[in-house]
Amino acid sequence: MTTEAIAKYKATLKKYIPLDTVDFVFNYLSSNGIYFVITKERASKLGDYRWPQHRYKYHQITVNGNLNIYSFLFVLLHEMAHHAVYLKHKNTVNPHGIEWQQEYRNMLVLHKGAFPKDIETVIDKYCSTLPLKNRIENEILDMMKIYDDASKYLSTLQVKDLPINAVFKTDDGRAFRVIEKLRTRYKCEHLETKVQYLVHGTLRVTPINN
């Protein structure tokens, strides 16, 4: 990678993660040949990791680009931990099993100083014991919402705050009905096509009176 390409890559990362984590993230992604994609907001997930298979020739990590810098880093480290586990165990272990929890905890502890003090305190709690508690991870993501653009939240709610059968609209204008709660995600039906999707509970949407 040329000096110009490195500078451009790092300049992009600086828009999405705390400045003191840019070098670590860049070195990890580039040295491991990870195809890193910043996506539009997705209702079903905040990020994901895919190992090379079928039509995917590279390790790939994607993260939703609408997240604030702390949420983005938190999700990115989550996916990087999946990559680290795959390098050691391939796909022979539970995706969120003890191997992944150890890798994720190590990455969070290494970078907890990049988060605001209130978030850092909860990260300490989250990382204090194994197994990691999914409930606390979701609490951290909720807490990080206060660092988002406040204007976005004047007329929106999180999907998890809506009752069953509530109707809502996403940023792209599609309308859905909440069907069923499934752990951290919700089964929602697209009103026009009747296709059902799994939507993350922290997604912010605009309620529709029906």
N, C-alpha and C. Protein backbone atom coordinates (compact mmCIF):
# COMPACT_ATOMS: atom_id res chain seq x y z
N MET A 1 0.85 -1.19 0.00
CA MET A 1 0.00 0.00 0.00
C MET A 1 0.89 1.25 0.00
N THR A 2 0.61 2.19 -0.88
CA THR A 2 1.42 3.39 -0.99
C THR A 2 1.18 4.32 0.20
N THR A 3 2.11 5.25 0.38
CA THR A 3 1.97 6.23 1.46
C THR A 3 0.68 7.04 1.30
N GLU A 4 0.37 7.38 0.07
CA GLU A 4 -0.87 8.14 -0.21
C GLU A 4 -2.11 7.32 0.14
N ALA A 5 -2.08 6.03 -0.21
CA ALA A 5 -3.22 5.16 0.08
C ALA A 5 -3.40 4.97 1.58
N ILE A 6 -2.28 4.84 2.30
CA ILE A 6 -2.35 4.69 3.76
C ILE A 6 -2.95 5.94 4.39
N ALA A 7 -2.50 7.11 3.93
CA ALA A 7 -3.01 8.37 4.47
C ALA A 7 -4.51 8.51 4.21
N LYS A 8 -4.95 8.10 3.03
CA LYS A 8 -6.37 8.18 2.68
C LYS A 8 -7.19 7.22 3.54
N TYR A 9 -6.68 6.01 3.75
CA TYR A 9 -7.35 5.00 4.56
C TYR A 9 -7.52 5.51 5.99
N LYS A 10 -6.42 6.04 6.55
CA LYS A 10 -6.47 6.55 7.92
C LYS A 10 -7.38 7.76 8.04
N ALA A 11 -7.42 8.59 7.01
CA ALA A 11 -8.29 9.77 7.03
C ALA A 11 -9.76 9.34 7.10
N THR A 12 -10.07 8.26 6.42
CA THR A 12 -11.44 7.74 6.48
C THR A 12 -11.75 7.19 7.87
N LEU A 13 -10.82 6.43 8.43
CA LEU A 13 -11.04 5.86 9.77
C LEU A 13 -11.24 6.96 10.80
N LYS A 14 -10.54 8.09 10.66
CA LYS A 14 -10.64 9.18 11.63
C LYS A 14 -12.04 9.77 11.70
N LYS A 15 -12.84 9.56 10.66
CA LYS A 15 -14.21 10.06 10.65
C LYS A 15 -15.15 9.17 11.47
N TYR A 16 -14.70 7.94 11.76
CA TYR A 16 -15.61 6.96 12.34
C TYR A 16 -15.20 6.42 13.71
N ILE A 17 -13.95 6.55 14.09
CA ILE A 17 -13.49 6.01 15.37
C ILE A 17 -12.62 7.04 16.10
N PRO A 18 -12.45 6.92 17.41
CA PRO A 18 -11.59 7.84 18.16
C PRO A 18 -10.17 7.86 17.58
N LEU A 19 -9.56 9.05 17.57
CA LEU A 19 -8.26 9.22 16.92
C LEU A 19 -7.18 8.30 17.46
N ASP A 20 -7.19 8.05 18.79
CA ASP A 20 -6.11 7.25 19.36
C ASP A 20 -6.25 5.75 19.07
N THR A 21 -7.28 5.36 18.34
CA THR A 21 -7.42 3.95 17.96
C THR A 21 -7.16 3.72 16.48
N VAL A 22 -6.95 4.80 15.72
CA VAL A 22 -6.82 4.69 14.27
C VAL A 22 -5.65 3.81 13.86
N ASP A 23 -4.48 4.01 14.47
CA ASP A 23 -3.30 3.23 14.07
C ASP A 23 -3.50 1.74 14.33
N PHE A 24 -4.04 1.40 15.51
CA PHE A 24 -4.27 -0.01 15.82
C PHE A 24 -5.23 -0.65 14.83
N VAL A 25 -6.35 0.03 14.59
CA VAL A 25 -7.35 -0.53 13.68
C VAL A 25 -6.79 -0.65 12.27
N PHE A 26 -6.12 0.39 11.80
CA PHE A 26 -5.53 0.33 10.46
C PHE A 26 -4.55 -0.83 10.35
N ASN A 27 -3.65 -0.96 11.31
CA ASN A 27 -2.65 -2.02 11.26
C ASN A 27 -3.29 -3.40 11.29
N TYR A 28 -4.34 -3.55 12.10
CA TYR A 28 -5.00 -4.86 12.20
C TYR A 28 -5.68 -5.21 10.88
N LEU A 29 -6.45 -4.28 10.35
CA LEU A 29 -7.20 -4.55 9.12
C LEU A 29 -6.27 -4.76 7.94
N SER A 30 -5.27 -3.91 7.79
CA SER A 30 -4.39 -4.00 6.63
C SER A 30 -3.45 -5.20 6.70
N SER A 31 -2.89 -5.47 7.88
CA SER A 31 -1.94 -6.59 7.99
C SER A 31 -2.62 -7.94 7.82
N ASN A 32 -3.92 -7.99 8.10
CA ASN A 32 -4.67 -9.24 7.96
C ASN A 32 -5.43 -9.32 6.64
N GLY A 33 -5.26 -8.32 5.78
CA GLY A 33 -5.90 -8.36 4.48
C GLY A 33 -7.42 -8.38 4.56
N ILE A 34 -7.98 -7.65 5.52
CA ILE A 34 -9.43 -7.64 5.73
C ILE A 34 -10.07 -6.60 4.82
N TYR A 35 -11.08 -7.01 4.09
CA TYR A 35 -11.86 -6.11 3.26
C TYR A 35 -12.88 -5.43 4.18
N PHE A 36 -12.67 -4.15 4.43
CA PHE A 36 -13.47 -3.41 5.41
C PHE A 36 -14.46 -2.51 4.70
N VAL A 37 -15.74 -2.65 5.05
CA VAL A 37 -16.80 -1.90 4.37
C VAL A 37 -17.63 -1.13 5.41
N ILE A 38 -17.79 0.16 5.16
CA ILE A 38 -18.67 0.99 5.98
C ILE A 38 -19.98 1.09 5.22
N THR A 39 -21.05 0.58 5.81
CA THR A 39 -22.33 0.46 5.11
C THR A 39 -23.33 1.52 5.56
N LYS A 40 -24.43 1.57 4.84
CA LYS A 40 -25.57 2.36 5.29
C LYS A 40 -26.20 1.65 6.49
N GLU A 41 -27.07 2.35 7.20
CA GLU A 41 -27.75 1.75 8.35
C GLU A 41 -28.52 0.52 7.91
N ARG A 42 -28.38 -0.57 8.67
CA ARG A 42 -29.10 -1.81 8.39
C ARG A 42 -29.98 -2.16 9.57
N ALA A 43 -31.21 -2.53 9.28
CA ALA A 43 -32.15 -2.81 10.35
C ALA A 43 -31.80 -4.08 11.11
N SER A 44 -31.16 -5.03 10.44
CA SER A 44 -30.96 -6.35 11.03
C SER A 44 -29.69 -6.48 11.86
N LYS A 45 -28.72 -5.57 11.65
CA LYS A 45 -27.44 -5.73 12.35
C LYS A 45 -26.67 -4.42 12.35
N LEU A 46 -25.72 -4.33 13.28
CA LEU A 46 -24.84 -3.17 13.36
C LEU A 46 -23.51 -3.42 12.65
N GLY A 47 -23.13 -4.69 12.54
CA GLY A 47 -21.90 -5.05 11.85
C GLY A 47 -21.85 -6.56 11.65
N ASP A 48 -20.90 -7.02 10.85
CA ASP A 48 -20.72 -8.47 10.72
C ASP A 48 -19.32 -8.80 10.23
N TYR A 49 -18.97 -10.08 10.37
CA TYR A 49 -17.70 -10.60 9.88
C TYR A 49 -17.97 -11.83 9.03
N ARG A 50 -17.28 -11.94 7.90
CA ARG A 50 -17.38 -13.12 7.05
C ARG A 50 -15.98 -13.60 6.70
N TRP A 51 -15.76 -14.90 6.85
CA TRP A 51 -14.49 -15.48 6.43
C TRP A 51 -14.59 -15.85 4.96
N PRO A 52 -13.46 -16.08 4.28
CA PRO A 52 -13.50 -16.41 2.84
C PRO A 52 -14.28 -17.69 2.58
N GLN A 53 -15.28 -17.59 1.74
CA GLN A 53 -16.07 -18.76 1.37
C GLN A 53 -16.93 -18.41 0.17
N HIS A 54 -17.22 -19.41 -0.64
CA HIS A 54 -18.07 -19.23 -1.81
C HIS A 54 -17.57 -18.05 -2.66
N ARG A 55 -18.39 -17.02 -2.81
CA ARG A 55 -18.00 -15.89 -3.66
C ARG A 55 -17.15 -14.87 -2.92
N TYR A 56 -17.00 -15.01 -1.60
CA TYR A 56 -16.17 -14.10 -0.82
C TYR A 56 -14.74 -14.62 -0.79
N LYS A 57 -13.81 -13.89 -1.40
CA LYS A 57 -12.42 -14.32 -1.48
C LYS A 57 -11.58 -13.80 -0.33
N TYR A 58 -12.13 -12.84 0.44
CA TYR A 58 -11.36 -12.20 1.48
C TYR A 58 -12.11 -12.25 2.81
N HIS A 59 -11.37 -12.06 3.88
CA HIS A 59 -12.01 -11.79 5.16
C HIS A 59 -12.70 -10.43 5.03
N GLN A 60 -13.93 -10.35 5.49
CA GLN A 60 -14.67 -9.10 5.34
C GLN A 60 -15.33 -8.69 6.65
N ILE A 61 -15.18 -7.42 7.01
CA ILE A 61 -15.88 -6.83 8.15
C ILE A 61 -16.69 -5.65 7.64
N THR A 62 -17.94 -5.57 8.05
CA THR A 62 -18.77 -4.41 7.73
C THR A 62 -19.30 -3.82 9.03
N VAL A 63 -19.43 -2.49 9.05
CA VAL A 63 -20.00 -1.78 10.19
C VAL A 63 -20.90 -0.68 9.65
N ASN A 64 -22.04 -0.47 10.30
CA ASN A 64 -22.97 0.57 9.88
C ASN A 64 -22.35 1.96 10.06
N GLY A 65 -22.37 2.75 9.01
CA GLY A 65 -21.72 4.05 9.02
C GLY A 65 -22.48 5.14 9.76
N ASN A 66 -23.70 4.86 10.20
CA ASN A 66 -24.48 5.88 10.92
C ASN A 66 -24.17 5.92 12.41
N LEU A 67 -23.33 5.00 12.90
CA LEU A 67 -23.03 4.94 14.33
C LEU A 67 -22.08 6.07 14.74
N ASN A 68 -22.21 6.53 15.98
CA ASN A 68 -21.24 7.50 16.49
C ASN A 68 -19.89 6.81 16.69
N ILE A 69 -18.83 7.60 16.94
CA ILE A 69 -17.49 7.03 16.94
C ILE A 69 -17.28 5.96 18.02
N TYR A 70 -17.99 6.08 19.15
CA TYR A 70 -17.81 5.10 20.22
C TYR A 70 -18.57 3.81 19.92
N SER A 71 -19.79 3.95 19.42
CA SER A 71 -20.56 2.77 19.02
C SER A 71 -19.87 2.05 17.86
N PHE A 72 -19.35 2.83 16.92
CA PHE A 72 -18.67 2.25 15.76
C PHE A 72 -17.46 1.43 16.21
N LEU A 73 -16.64 2.00 17.10
CA LEU A 73 -15.47 1.28 17.59
C LEU A 73 -15.88 0.02 18.35
N PHE A 74 -16.90 0.14 19.18
CA PHE A 74 -17.38 -0.99 19.98
C PHE A 74 -17.81 -2.15 19.08
N VAL A 75 -18.55 -1.84 18.03
CA VAL A 75 -19.02 -2.86 17.09
C VAL A 75 -17.84 -3.39 16.26
N LEU A 76 -16.95 -2.50 15.84
CA LEU A 76 -15.81 -2.93 15.03
C LEU A 76 -14.92 -3.90 15.81
N LEU A 77 -14.65 -3.62 17.07
CA LEU A 77 -13.84 -4.54 17.89
C LEU A 77 -14.55 -5.88 18.06
N HIS A 78 -15.87 -5.85 18.16
CA HIS A 78 -16.67 -7.08 18.24
C HIS A 78 -16.40 -7.95 17.01
N GLU A 79 -16.42 -7.33 15.83
CA GLU A 79 -16.22 -8.09 14.59
C GLU A 79 -14.76 -8.49 14.41
N MET A 80 -13.83 -7.64 14.83
CA MET A 80 -12.41 -8.01 14.75
C MET A 80 -12.11 -9.21 15.64
N ALA A 81 -12.81 -9.30 16.77
CA ALA A 81 -12.64 -10.46 17.65
C ALA A 81 -13.11 -11.74 16.95
N HIS A 82 -14.19 -11.64 16.16
CA HIS A 82 -14.63 -12.80 15.37
C HIS A 82 -13.53 -13.23 14.40
N HIS A 83 -12.88 -12.26 13.76
CA HIS A 83 -11.80 -12.57 12.83
C HIS A 83 -10.65 -13.26 13.55
N ALA A 84 -10.28 -12.72 14.72
CA ALA A 84 -9.17 -13.29 15.49
C ALA A 84 -9.46 -14.74 15.88
N VAL A 85 -10.70 -15.01 16.23
CA VAL A 85 -11.09 -16.38 16.59
C VAL A 85 -11.01 -17.30 15.37
N TYR A 86 -11.46 -16.80 14.22
CA TYR A 86 -11.42 -17.63 13.02
C TYR A 86 -9.99 -18.01 12.66
N LEU A 87 -9.07 -17.09 12.83
CA LEU A 87 -7.67 -17.39 12.51
C LEU A 87 -7.14 -18.55 13.36
N LYS A 88 -7.62 -18.65 14.59
CA LYS A 88 -7.13 -19.68 15.51
C LYS A 88 -7.93 -20.98 15.43
N HIS A 89 -9.24 -20.86 15.17
CA HIS A 89 -10.11 -22.03 15.30
C HIS A 89 -10.95 -22.33 14.05
N LYS A 90 -10.77 -21.51 13.00
CA LYS A 90 -11.66 -21.60 11.83
C LYS A 90 -13.11 -21.46 12.32
N ASN A 91 -14.01 -22.26 11.76
CA ASN A 91 -15.41 -22.14 12.20
C ASN A 91 -15.82 -23.35 13.03
N THR A 92 -14.90 -23.81 13.89
CA THR A 92 -15.16 -25.01 14.69
C THR A 92 -15.68 -24.69 16.09
N VAL A 93 -15.80 -23.40 16.44
CA VAL A 93 -16.25 -23.04 17.78
C VAL A 93 -17.51 -22.20 17.69
N ASN A 94 -18.19 -22.07 18.81
CA ASN A 94 -19.41 -21.26 18.88
C ASN A 94 -19.08 -19.81 18.53
N PRO A 95 -19.87 -19.17 17.66
CA PRO A 95 -19.57 -17.79 17.23
C PRO A 95 -19.37 -16.81 18.39
N HIS A 96 -20.14 -16.97 19.46
CA HIS A 96 -20.00 -16.08 20.63
C HIS A 96 -19.61 -16.89 21.88
N GLY A 97 -18.86 -17.96 21.64
CA GLY A 97 -18.41 -18.81 22.74
C GLY A 97 -17.25 -18.19 23.49
N ILE A 98 -16.66 -18.99 24.38
CA ILE A 98 -15.64 -18.48 25.28
C ILE A 98 -14.41 -17.97 24.52
N GLU A 99 -14.10 -18.57 23.37
CA GLU A 99 -12.94 -18.12 22.59
C GLU A 99 -13.15 -16.69 22.09
N TRP A 100 -14.35 -16.45 21.54
CA TRP A 100 -14.66 -15.09 21.08
C TRP A 100 -14.72 -14.12 22.25
N GLN A 101 -15.31 -14.52 23.35
CA GLN A 101 -15.42 -13.64 24.51
C GLN A 101 -14.06 -13.20 25.03
N GLN A 102 -13.10 -14.12 25.03
CA GLN A 102 -11.74 -13.77 25.47
C GLN A 102 -11.09 -12.77 24.53
N GLU A 103 -11.24 -12.99 23.22
CA GLU A 103 -10.65 -12.07 22.25
C GLU A 103 -11.29 -10.69 22.35
N TYR A 104 -12.62 -10.65 22.47
CA TYR A 104 -13.33 -9.38 22.54
C TYR A 104 -12.97 -8.63 23.82
N ARG A 105 -12.91 -9.36 24.92
CA ARG A 105 -12.54 -8.73 26.19
C ARG A 105 -11.14 -8.13 26.09
N ASN A 106 -10.21 -8.86 25.50
CA ASN A 106 -8.85 -8.35 25.38
C ASN A 106 -8.80 -7.06 24.56
N MET A 107 -9.57 -7.02 23.47
CA MET A 107 -9.57 -5.82 22.63
C MET A 107 -10.22 -4.64 23.34
N LEU A 108 -11.30 -4.90 24.08
CA LEU A 108 -11.97 -3.82 24.81
C LEU A 108 -11.09 -3.28 25.93
N VAL A 109 -10.44 -4.17 26.66
CA VAL A 109 -9.56 -3.73 27.75
C VAL A 109 -8.41 -2.89 27.19
N LEU A 110 -7.87 -3.30 26.05
CA LEU A 110 -6.77 -2.58 25.43
C LEU A 110 -7.17 -1.16 25.03
N HIS A 111 -8.44 -0.97 24.67
CA HIS A 111 -8.87 0.31 24.13
C HIS A 111 -9.94 1.00 24.98
N LYS A 112 -10.17 0.55 26.19
CA LYS A 112 -11.24 1.15 26.99
C LYS A 112 -11.01 2.64 27.25
N GLY A 113 -9.73 3.07 27.24
CA GLY A 113 -9.43 4.48 27.46
C GLY A 113 -9.88 5.38 26.34
N ALA A 114 -10.26 4.79 25.20
CA ALA A 114 -10.74 5.58 24.06
C ALA A 114 -12.20 5.99 24.23
N PHE A 115 -12.88 5.38 25.21
CA PHE A 115 -14.29 5.66 25.43
C PHE A 115 -14.45 6.70 26.54
N PRO A 116 -15.56 7.44 26.56
CA PRO A 116 -15.84 8.36 27.67
C PRO A 116 -15.87 7.62 29.00
N LYS A 117 -15.62 8.33 30.10
CA LYS A 117 -15.50 7.71 31.41
C LYS A 117 -16.74 6.91 31.81
N ASP A 118 -17.93 7.43 31.49
CA ASP A 118 -19.15 6.69 31.87
C ASP A 118 -19.24 5.36 31.14
N ILE A 119 -18.81 5.35 29.87
CA ILE A 119 -18.81 4.12 29.09
C ILE A 119 -17.69 3.20 29.56
N GLU A 120 -16.54 3.78 29.85
CA GLU A 120 -15.40 2.99 30.31
C GLU A 120 -15.73 2.22 31.58
N THR A 121 -16.50 2.85 32.50
CA THR A 121 -16.88 2.19 33.75
C THR A 121 -17.71 0.94 33.48
N VAL A 122 -18.65 1.04 32.54
CA VAL A 122 -19.51 -0.11 32.23
C VAL A 122 -18.72 -1.16 31.47
N ILE A 123 -17.79 -0.75 30.63
CA ILE A 123 -16.93 -1.72 29.93
C ILE A 123 -16.11 -2.51 30.94
N ASP A 124 -15.62 -1.82 31.98
CA ASP A 124 -14.89 -2.53 33.05
C ASP A 124 -15.76 -3.61 33.67
N LYS A 125 -17.02 -3.27 33.92
CA LYS A 125 -17.97 -4.23 34.49
C LYS A 125 -18.20 -5.39 33.53
N TYR A 126 -18.37 -5.06 32.26
CA TYR A 126 -18.62 -6.07 31.23
C TYR A 126 -17.45 -7.05 31.12
N CYS A 127 -16.23 -6.53 31.24
CA CYS A 127 -15.03 -7.34 31.03
C CYS A 127 -14.52 -8.02 32.31
N SER A 128 -15.18 -7.77 33.42
CA SER A 128 -14.65 -8.23 34.71
C SER A 128 -14.72 -9.74 34.88
N THR A 129 -15.69 -10.38 34.26
CA THR A 129 -15.84 -11.82 34.42
C THR A 129 -16.23 -12.47 33.10
N LEU A 130 -15.91 -13.73 32.97
CA LEU A 130 -16.38 -14.55 31.85
C LEU A 130 -17.35 -15.59 32.40
N PRO A 131 -18.42 -15.95 31.68
CA PRO A 131 -18.73 -15.46 30.33
C PRO A 131 -19.24 -14.01 30.33
N LEU A 132 -19.00 -13.33 29.20
CA LEU A 132 -19.52 -11.98 29.05
C LEU A 132 -21.04 -12.02 29.00
N LYS A 133 -21.66 -10.99 29.54
CA LYS A 133 -23.11 -10.94 29.60
C LYS A 133 -23.67 -10.11 28.45
N ASN A 134 -24.47 -10.77 27.60
CA ASN A 134 -25.07 -10.10 26.45
C ASN A 134 -25.89 -8.89 26.88
N ARG A 135 -26.52 -8.99 28.03
CA ARG A 135 -27.35 -7.88 28.53
C ARG A 135 -26.52 -6.62 28.73
N ILE A 136 -25.31 -6.76 29.26
CA ILE A 136 -24.46 -5.60 29.52
C ILE A 136 -23.95 -5.01 28.20
N GLU A 137 -23.66 -5.87 27.23
CA GLU A 137 -23.24 -5.36 25.92
C GLU A 137 -24.32 -4.47 25.32
N ASN A 138 -25.56 -4.89 25.45
CA ASN A 138 -26.67 -4.08 24.94
C ASN A 138 -26.84 -2.81 25.74
N GLU A 139 -26.61 -2.87 27.05
CA GLU A 139 -26.67 -1.67 27.88
C GLU A 139 -25.63 -0.65 27.44
N ILE A 140 -24.44 -1.13 27.10
CA ILE A 140 -23.38 -0.24 26.65
C ILE A 140 -23.78 0.46 25.35
N LEU A 141 -24.32 -0.31 24.42
CA LEU A 141 -24.77 0.28 23.15
C LEU A 141 -25.85 1.32 23.40
N ASP A 142 -26.75 1.05 24.34
CA ASP A 142 -27.80 2.01 24.68
C ASP A 142 -27.20 3.28 25.27
N MET A 143 -26.25 3.11 26.18
CA MET A 143 -25.61 4.27 26.80
C MET A 143 -24.91 5.15 25.78
N MET A 144 -24.32 4.53 24.78
CA MET A 144 -23.57 5.28 23.78
C MET A 144 -24.46 6.16 22.92
N LYS A 145 -25.76 5.94 22.95
CA LYS A 145 -26.69 6.74 22.15
C LYS A 145 -26.63 8.22 22.53
N ILE A 146 -26.23 8.51 23.77
CA ILE A 146 -26.20 9.92 24.17
C ILE A 146 -25.11 10.69 23.42
N TYR A 147 -24.22 9.99 22.76
CA TYR A 147 -23.16 10.65 21.99
C TYR A 147 -23.52 10.75 20.51
N ASP A 148 -24.74 10.41 20.16
CA ASP A 148 -25.23 10.57 18.80
C ASP A 148 -25.70 12.00 18.59
N ASP A 149 -26.00 12.32 17.36
CA ASP A 149 -26.58 13.61 17.02
C ASP A 149 -27.97 13.70 17.63
N ALA A 150 -28.13 14.59 18.59
CA ALA A 150 -29.40 14.67 19.32
C ALA A 150 -30.60 14.96 18.41
N SER A 151 -30.37 15.66 17.31
CA SER A 151 -31.49 16.02 16.43
C SER A 151 -32.18 14.81 15.84
N LYS A 152 -31.42 13.71 15.72
CA LYS A 152 -31.99 12.49 15.15
C LYS A 152 -33.04 11.87 16.06
N TYR A 153 -33.02 12.23 17.34
CA TYR A 153 -33.84 11.54 18.32
C TYR A 153 -35.09 12.30 18.74
N LEU A 154 -35.35 13.41 18.07
CA LEU A 154 -36.50 14.21 18.45
C LEU A 154 -37.82 13.50 18.15
N SER A 155 -37.85 12.72 17.08
CA SER A 155 -39.11 12.08 16.68
C SER A 155 -38.98 10.58 16.49
N THR A 156 -37.88 9.97 16.98
CA THR A 156 -37.68 8.54 16.77
C THR A 156 -37.64 7.78 18.09
N LEU A 157 -37.84 6.47 17.98
CA LEU A 157 -37.73 5.55 19.11
C LEU A 157 -36.92 4.34 18.66
N GLN A 158 -36.41 3.59 19.62
CA GLN A 158 -35.78 2.32 19.29
C GLN A 158 -36.87 1.26 19.13
N VAL A 159 -36.61 0.30 18.27
CA VAL A 159 -37.60 -0.76 18.02
C VAL A 159 -37.99 -1.45 19.32
N LYS A 160 -37.02 -1.65 20.21
CA LYS A 160 -37.31 -2.34 21.48
C LYS A 160 -38.26 -1.56 22.38
N ASP A 161 -38.45 -0.28 22.10
CA ASP A 161 -39.36 0.53 22.90
C ASP A 161 -40.79 0.48 22.39
N LEU A 162 -40.99 -0.17 21.24
CA LEU A 162 -42.32 -0.23 20.64
C LEU A 162 -43.06 -1.48 21.09
N PRO A 163 -44.38 -1.39 21.22
CA PRO A 163 -45.15 -2.59 21.58
C PRO A 163 -45.33 -3.51 20.38
N ILE A 164 -45.67 -4.76 20.65
CA ILE A 164 -45.99 -5.70 19.58
C ILE A 164 -47.17 -5.14 18.78
N ASN A 165 -47.10 -5.27 17.46
CA ASN A 165 -48.08 -4.78 16.50
C ASN A 165 -47.93 -3.30 16.19
N ALA A 166 -46.97 -2.64 16.81
CA ALA A 166 -46.72 -1.24 16.46
C ALA A 166 -46.18 -1.16 15.03
N VAL A 167 -46.50 -0.07 14.35
CA VAL A 167 -46.04 0.15 12.98
C VAL A 167 -45.01 1.27 12.99
N PHE A 168 -43.93 1.09 12.23
CA PHE A 168 -42.89 2.11 12.21
C PHE A 168 -42.31 2.25 10.80
N LYS A 169 -41.61 3.36 10.61
CA LYS A 169 -40.96 3.64 9.33
C LYS A 169 -39.46 3.77 9.55
N THR A 170 -38.66 3.16 8.65
CA THR A 170 -37.21 3.27 8.73
C THR A 170 -36.73 4.49 7.95
N ASP A 171 -35.44 4.78 8.04
CA ASP A 171 -34.90 5.97 7.37
C ASP A 171 -35.11 5.96 5.87
N ASP A 172 -35.17 4.76 5.28
CA ASP A 172 -35.35 4.68 3.83
C ASP A 172 -36.81 4.71 3.41
N GLY A 173 -37.72 4.95 4.38
CA GLY A 173 -39.14 5.12 4.06
C GLY A 173 -39.97 3.86 4.08
N ARG A 174 -39.37 2.70 4.33
CA ARG A 174 -40.15 1.45 4.36
C ARG A 174 -40.90 1.33 5.68
N ALA A 175 -42.10 0.75 5.61
CA ALA A 175 -42.95 0.61 6.80
C ALA A 175 -43.02 -0.84 7.24
N PHE A 176 -42.95 -1.07 8.55
CA PHE A 176 -42.95 -2.41 9.13
C PHE A 176 -43.89 -2.47 10.32
N ARG A 177 -44.29 -3.71 10.65
CA ARG A 177 -45.06 -3.96 11.86
C ARG A 177 -44.24 -4.90 12.76
N VAL A 178 -44.19 -4.60 14.06
CA VAL A 178 -43.48 -5.45 15.01
C VAL A 178 -44.32 -6.70 15.26
N ILE A 179 -43.73 -7.86 15.04
CA ILE A 179 -44.46 -9.12 15.16
C ILE A 179 -44.11 -9.86 16.46
N GLU A 180 -42.79 -9.97 16.75
CA GLU A 180 -42.39 -10.82 17.88
C GLU A 180 -41.00 -10.44 18.35
N LYS A 181 -40.77 -10.52 19.65
CA LYS A 181 -39.45 -10.25 20.23
C LYS A 181 -38.65 -11.55 20.27
N LEU A 182 -37.39 -11.49 19.77
CA LEU A 182 -36.50 -12.64 19.78
C LEU A 182 -35.15 -12.20 20.36
N ARG A 183 -35.01 -12.30 21.67
CA ARG A 183 -33.78 -11.86 22.35
C ARG A 183 -33.51 -10.40 22.04
N THR A 184 -32.38 -10.10 21.36
CA THR A 184 -32.04 -8.70 21.08
C THR A 184 -32.61 -8.21 19.77
N ARG A 185 -33.26 -9.08 19.03
CA ARG A 185 -33.84 -8.70 17.74
C ARG A 185 -35.34 -8.91 17.75
N TYR A 186 -35.97 -8.29 16.75
CA TYR A 186 -37.43 -8.36 16.67
C TYR A 186 -37.83 -8.80 15.27
N LYS A 187 -38.80 -9.72 15.22
CA LYS A 187 -39.34 -10.13 13.94
C LYS A 187 -40.34 -9.06 13.50
N CYS A 188 -40.09 -8.49 12.33
CA CYS A 188 -40.93 -7.41 11.83
C CYS A 188 -41.37 -7.72 10.40
N GLU A 189 -42.58 -7.36 10.08
CA GLU A 189 -43.14 -7.64 8.76
C GLU A 189 -43.19 -6.37 7.92
N HIS A 190 -42.61 -6.44 6.72
CA HIS A 190 -42.69 -5.33 5.78
C HIS A 190 -44.13 -5.23 5.30
N LEU A 191 -44.75 -4.08 5.50
CA LEU A 191 -46.19 -3.97 5.24
C LEU A 191 -46.56 -4.18 3.78
N GLU A 192 -45.70 -3.76 2.87
CA GLU A 192 -46.03 -3.86 1.45
C GLU A 192 -45.84 -5.26 0.90
N THR A 193 -44.71 -5.89 1.23
CA THR A 193 -44.39 -7.21 0.65
C THR A 193 -44.77 -8.37 1.55
N LYS A 194 -45.03 -8.10 2.82
CA LYS A 194 -45.34 -9.13 3.83
C LYS A 194 -44.14 -10.02 4.15
N VAL A 195 -42.96 -9.64 3.67
CA VAL A 195 -41.74 -10.38 4.00
C VAL A 195 -41.33 -10.02 5.42
N GLN A 196 -40.88 -11.03 6.19
CA GLN A 196 -40.49 -10.79 7.58
C GLN A 196 -38.97 -10.68 7.70
N TYR A 197 -38.53 -9.76 8.56
CA TYR A 197 -37.12 -9.50 8.77
C TYR A 197 -36.81 -9.53 10.26
N LEU A 198 -35.55 -9.83 10.60
CA LEU A 198 -35.08 -9.68 11.97
C LEU A 198 -34.43 -8.31 12.10
N VAL A 199 -34.95 -7.51 13.01
CA VAL A 199 -34.51 -6.13 13.17
C VAL A 199 -33.87 -5.97 14.55
N HIS A 200 -32.71 -5.34 14.61
CA HIS A 200 -32.03 -5.14 15.89
C HIS A 200 -32.85 -4.18 16.76
N GLY A 201 -32.94 -4.51 18.05
CA GLY A 201 -33.77 -3.73 18.96
C GLY A 201 -33.33 -2.30 19.16
N THR A 202 -32.04 -2.00 18.87
CA THR A 202 -31.54 -0.64 19.08
C THR A 202 -31.72 0.27 17.87
N LEU A 203 -32.25 -0.28 16.77
CA LEU A 203 -32.48 0.55 15.58
C LEU A 203 -33.48 1.65 15.90
N ARG A 204 -33.16 2.89 15.51
CA ARG A 204 -34.06 4.00 15.74
C ARG A 204 -34.98 4.16 14.53
N VAL A 205 -36.27 4.26 14.80
CA VAL A 205 -37.28 4.32 13.75
C VAL A 205 -38.32 5.38 14.11
N THR A 206 -39.15 5.71 13.15
CA THR A 206 -40.23 6.68 13.37
C THR A 206 -41.55 5.94 13.52
N PRO A 207 -42.20 6.01 14.67
CA PRO A 207 -43.49 5.33 14.85
C PRO A 207 -44.54 5.91 13.91
N ILE A 208 -45.46 5.06 13.46
CA ILE A 208 -46.59 5.48 12.61
C ILE A 208 -47.88 5.14 13.35
N ASN A 209 -48.73 6.10 13.48
CA ASN A 209 -50.04 5.83 14.08
C ASN A 209 -50.90 5.05 13.11
N ASN A 210 -51.44 3.92 13.56
CA ASN A 210 -52.25 3.10 12.66
C ASN A 210 -53.59 2.77 13.29
